[in-house]
């Protein structure tokens, strides 16, 4: 069966990603060693909430089509949950859990950078699973996530 995600499903996944990112940055902020890094993680946590609102606002741009929609919605729900849980949200070796174990600021920024890269790769995967008409919406999500990576790279250079 060919699986295509609806635009609403893409937005729901983006929102879940941002909510998880918010949790990640709050954990990282709580455990950061320096005040500068605490401020950075606070900024990134707030940016995750802003991104969530941006993504919710993108719902009006989604073009729906009845062709190619999944036949089994239960199967699709399980597929989405498996992708989001296993990609980067859960698991002892995932960056969201490692944020509390960072030994110094450089390691904390490294975990944050890995989290953002995983998020970006996740949305590139999603981009391939949507109809062409919905890809511009996913592209907007990808561009928002790239901003976090740029900021973290700049910070890492100065540590």
Protein backbone atom coordinates (compact mmCIF):
# COMPACT_ATOMS: atom_id res chain seq x y z
CA UNK A 1 0.00 0.00 0.00
CA UNK A 2 1.29 3.48 -0.83
CA UNK A 3 1.13 5.72 2.21
CA UNK A 4 0.67 9.45 1.84
CA UNK A 5 0.28 11.73 4.80
CA UNK A 6 -2.38 14.37 4.77
CA UNK A 7 -1.37 17.94 5.37
CA UNK A 8 -3.01 17.87 8.81
CA UNK A 9 -0.97 14.80 9.75
CA UNK A 10 2.23 16.54 8.67
CA UNK A 11 1.33 19.54 10.81
CA UNK A 12 0.47 17.29 13.76
CA UNK A 13 3.88 15.61 13.48
CA UNK A 14 5.60 18.99 13.24
CA UNK A 15 3.74 20.16 16.34
CA UNK A 16 4.75 17.02 18.26
CA UNK A 17 8.35 17.60 17.19
CA UNK A 18 8.27 21.16 18.48
CA UNK A 19 6.68 20.09 21.76
CA UNK A 20 9.42 17.50 22.22
CA UNK A 21 12.03 20.10 21.29
CA UNK A 22 10.60 22.41 23.95
CA UNK A 23 10.94 19.65 26.55
CA UNK A 24 14.48 18.92 25.35
CA UNK A 25 15.59 22.54 25.66
CA UNK A 26 14.00 22.96 29.08
CA UNK A 27 15.91 19.88 30.30
CA UNK A 28 19.10 21.17 28.70
CA UNK A 29 18.57 24.62 30.25
CA UNK A 30 18.05 23.13 33.70
CA UNK A 31 21.32 21.20 33.43
CA UNK A 32 23.47 23.75 31.59
CA UNK A 33 26.67 24.71 33.37
CA UNK A 34 26.96 28.34 32.28
CA UNK A 35 24.49 31.21 32.36
CA UNK A 36 25.12 31.88 28.65
CA UNK A 37 24.09 28.35 27.75
CA UNK A 38 21.05 28.52 30.03
CA UNK A 39 20.02 31.65 28.12
CA UNK A 40 20.60 29.95 24.76
CA UNK A 41 18.49 26.95 25.71
CA UNK A 42 15.77 29.24 27.07
CA UNK A 43 15.77 31.09 23.72
CA UNK A 44 15.59 27.80 21.78
CA UNK A 45 12.78 26.48 23.99
CA UNK A 46 10.77 29.63 23.34
CA UNK A 47 11.57 29.34 19.62
CA UNK A 48 10.14 25.80 19.65
CA UNK A 49 6.86 27.21 20.95
CA UNK A 50 6.91 29.89 18.24
CA UNK A 51 7.56 27.22 15.61
CA UNK A 52 4.62 25.23 16.95
CA UNK A 53 2.37 28.26 16.40
CA UNK A 54 3.84 28.82 12.92
CA UNK A 55 3.16 25.22 11.98
CA UNK A 56 -0.41 25.40 13.27
CA UNK A 57 -0.83 28.49 11.10
CA UNK A 58 0.33 26.55 8.04
CA UNK A 59 -2.78 24.36 8.08
CA UNK A 60 -4.52 26.87 5.82
CA UNK A 61 -1.89 26.30 3.12
CA UNK A 62 -2.44 22.58 2.85
CA UNK A 63 -3.94 21.19 -0.32
CA UNK A 64 -5.87 17.98 0.19
CA UNK A 65 -6.68 15.32 -2.34
CA UNK A 66 -8.73 12.17 -1.81
CA UNK A 67 -6.43 10.18 -4.09
CA UNK A 68 -3.61 8.29 -2.48
CA UNK A 69 -4.94 8.64 1.06
CA UNK A 70 -4.23 5.66 3.31
CA UNK A 71 -6.76 2.88 3.35
CA UNK A 72 -6.15 1.80 6.96
CA UNK A 73 -6.09 4.76 9.39
CA UNK A 74 -5.14 2.53 12.35
CA UNK A 75 -2.10 1.33 10.43
CA UNK A 76 -1.17 4.90 9.58
CA UNK A 77 -1.49 6.01 13.22
CA UNK A 78 0.80 3.17 14.30
CA UNK A 79 3.27 4.06 11.54
CA UNK A 80 3.38 7.73 12.60
CA UNK A 81 3.84 6.80 16.25
CA UNK A 82 6.64 4.35 15.40
CA UNK A 83 8.42 6.95 13.27
CA UNK A 84 8.22 9.74 15.81
CA UNK A 85 9.07 7.56 18.81
CA UNK A 86 11.98 5.72 17.25
CA UNK A 87 13.47 8.49 15.16
CA UNK A 88 14.62 10.71 17.99
CA UNK A 89 12.00 11.23 20.66
CA UNK A 90 12.48 8.22 22.92
CA UNK A 91 15.16 5.77 23.96
CA UNK A 92 18.00 5.95 26.46
CA UNK A 93 20.55 6.76 23.79
CA UNK A 94 18.59 9.64 22.29
CA UNK A 95 19.71 13.22 22.68
CA UNK A 96 16.59 14.26 24.58
CA UNK A 97 17.59 11.86 27.36
CA UNK A 98 21.29 12.68 27.11
CA UNK A 99 20.64 16.41 27.66
CA UNK A 100 20.58 15.85 31.42
CA UNK A 101 23.93 14.01 31.33
CA UNK A 102 26.05 16.62 29.56
CA UNK A 103 29.35 17.03 31.37
CA UNK A 104 30.00 20.51 30.01
CA UNK A 105 28.56 23.23 27.76
CA UNK A 106 30.23 21.89 24.63
CA UNK A 107 28.69 18.46 25.12
CA UNK A 108 25.27 20.00 25.84
CA UNK A 109 25.42 22.04 22.62
CA UNK A 110 26.51 18.87 20.79
CA UNK A 111 23.43 17.02 22.05
CA UNK A 112 21.25 19.95 21.02
CA UNK A 113 22.84 20.05 17.59
CA UNK A 114 22.32 16.31 17.15
CA UNK A 115 18.68 16.68 18.22
CA UNK A 116 18.13 19.42 15.64
CA UNK A 117 19.87 17.41 12.92
CA UNK A 118 17.70 14.39 13.71
CA UNK A 119 14.64 16.64 13.57
CA UNK A 120 15.72 17.95 10.19
CA UNK A 121 16.35 14.45 8.83
CA UNK A 122 12.94 13.40 10.12
CA UNK A 123 11.24 16.16 8.17
CA UNK A 124 13.21 15.31 5.05
CA UNK A 125 11.84 11.76 5.41
CA UNK A 126 8.34 13.12 5.84
CA UNK A 127 8.79 15.31 2.77
CA UNK A 128 9.17 12.18 0.66
CA UNK A 129 5.92 10.77 2.07
CA UNK A 130 3.62 13.63 1.13
CA UNK A 131 2.02 14.53 -2.12
CA UNK A 132 3.87 17.09 -4.22
CA UNK A 133 1.18 19.69 -3.50
CA UNK A 134 1.99 19.54 0.23
CA UNK A 135 5.79 19.64 -0.08
CA UNK A 136 5.99 23.46 0.16
CA UNK A 137 4.45 23.20 3.64
CA UNK A 138 7.10 20.68 4.69
CA UNK A 139 9.78 22.89 3.11
CA UNK A 140 8.68 25.75 5.38
CA UNK A 141 9.02 23.47 8.38
CA UNK A 142 12.49 22.38 7.22
CA UNK A 143 13.61 26.00 6.83
CA UNK A 144 12.46 26.81 10.36
CA UNK A 145 14.46 23.88 11.75
CA UNK A 146 17.59 24.90 9.82
CA UNK A 147 17.63 28.16 11.78
CA UNK A 148 18.18 26.29 15.04
CA UNK A 149 21.06 24.38 13.52
CA UNK A 150 22.73 27.58 12.29
CA UNK A 151 22.43 29.17 15.72
CA UNK A 152 23.84 26.13 17.52
CA UNK A 153 26.76 25.86 15.10
CA UNK A 154 27.62 29.50 15.77
CA UNK A 155 27.52 28.90 19.52
CA UNK A 156 29.60 25.72 19.26
CA UNK A 157 32.32 27.59 17.34
CA UNK A 158 32.69 30.00 20.26
CA UNK A 159 32.93 27.38 23.03
